[in-house]
Amino acid sequence: MTLSKTDYSAMLIFQSVPAQIANEVLLGDLIPLLSDEIIAEYWEDLARPKFQFDQNTVEILIDGIVDRGIYVDVQ
């Protein structure tokens, strides 16, 4: 199963800043700078029970971000 770019954004509150940023990233209009630590934090945050996202949905979202991002060395 894959989600459309619209589905990704619908995961978050539509008018929230995180939803707007996620939308820009998934559309390719914003390129995120990433590190292993950032990706781990995304996993931790999106897996919180308050969001009620299933594992597959979180994986698809994070894969979309990783596919469009640039890894940087964080020291």
Protein backbone atom coordinates (compact mmCIF):
# COMPACT_ATOMS: atom_id res chain seq x y z
CA MET A 1 0.00 0.00 0.00
CA THR A 2 1.20 3.50 -0.76
CA LEU A 3 -0.18 6.83 0.30
CA SER A 4 -0.56 9.84 -1.93
CA LYS A 5 1.02 13.16 -1.05
CA THR A 6 -2.41 14.30 0.06
CA ASP A 7 -2.68 11.34 2.43
CA TYR A 8 0.64 12.23 4.04
CA SER A 9 -0.52 15.73 4.82
CA ALA A 10 -3.85 14.48 6.10
CA MET A 11 -1.96 12.59 8.78
CA LEU A 12 -1.35 15.89 10.53
CA ILE A 13 -3.69 18.74 11.35
CA PHE A 14 -4.26 20.47 8.01
CA GLN A 15 -3.44 24.02 9.05
CA SER A 16 -0.57 23.17 11.39
CA VAL A 17 3.00 24.19 10.66
CA PRO A 18 4.15 20.51 10.72
CA ALA A 19 1.53 19.61 8.10
CA GLN A 20 2.57 22.52 5.89
CA ILE A 21 6.24 21.54 6.16
CA ALA A 22 5.49 17.85 5.49
CA ASN A 23 3.46 18.85 2.46
CA GLU A 24 6.27 21.03 1.08
CA VAL A 25 8.80 18.22 1.60
CA LEU A 26 6.61 15.58 -0.02
CA LEU A 27 5.88 17.84 -2.98
CA GLY A 28 9.62 18.38 -3.43
CA ASP A 29 9.40 22.12 -2.75
CA LEU A 30 11.48 21.86 0.44
CA ILE A 31 14.52 19.63 0.86
CA PRO A 32 15.09 18.53 4.46
CA LEU A 33 18.55 18.12 5.94
CA LEU A 34 18.63 14.82 7.79
CA SER A 35 20.74 12.79 10.17
CA ASP A 36 20.25 9.42 11.82
CA GLU A 37 19.34 11.27 15.02
CA ILE A 38 16.62 13.29 13.29
CA ILE A 39 15.11 10.20 11.66
CA ALA A 40 15.13 8.39 15.02
CA GLU A 41 13.31 11.35 16.58
CA TYR A 42 10.69 11.31 13.81
CA TRP A 43 10.08 7.61 14.51
CA GLU A 44 9.80 8.22 18.24
CA ASP A 45 7.49 11.20 17.92
CA LEU A 46 5.15 9.75 15.29
CA ALA A 47 4.86 6.46 17.20
CA ARG A 48 3.39 8.21 20.25
CA PRO A 49 -0.06 6.89 21.16
CA LYS A 50 -1.61 10.38 21.04
CA PHE A 51 -1.19 10.45 17.25
CA GLN A 52 -2.73 7.00 16.72
CA PHE A 53 -0.79 6.43 13.46
CA ASP A 54 -0.31 2.84 12.45
CA GLN A 55 3.26 1.62 11.90
CA ASN A 56 2.84 1.30 8.13
CA THR A 57 1.64 4.88 7.76
CA VAL A 58 4.57 6.22 9.80
CA GLU A 59 6.98 4.15 7.73
CA ILE A 60 5.57 5.49 4.47
CA LEU A 61 5.79 9.08 5.69
CA ILE A 62 9.35 8.76 6.96
CA ASP A 63 10.42 6.94 3.78
CA GLY A 64 9.00 9.84 1.78
CA ILE A 65 10.98 12.33 3.83
CA VAL A 66 14.19 10.28 3.61
CA ASP A 67 13.78 9.86 -0.17
CA ARG A 68 13.66 13.63 -0.59
CA GLY A 69 16.22 14.65 2.03
CA ILE A 70 19.94 15.21 2.16
CA TYR A 71 21.96 13.55 4.91
CA VAL A 72 24.41 15.78 6.76
CA ASP A 73 27.12 14.96 9.28
CA VAL A 74 26.08 16.18 12.71
CA GLN A 75 28.84 16.69 15.22
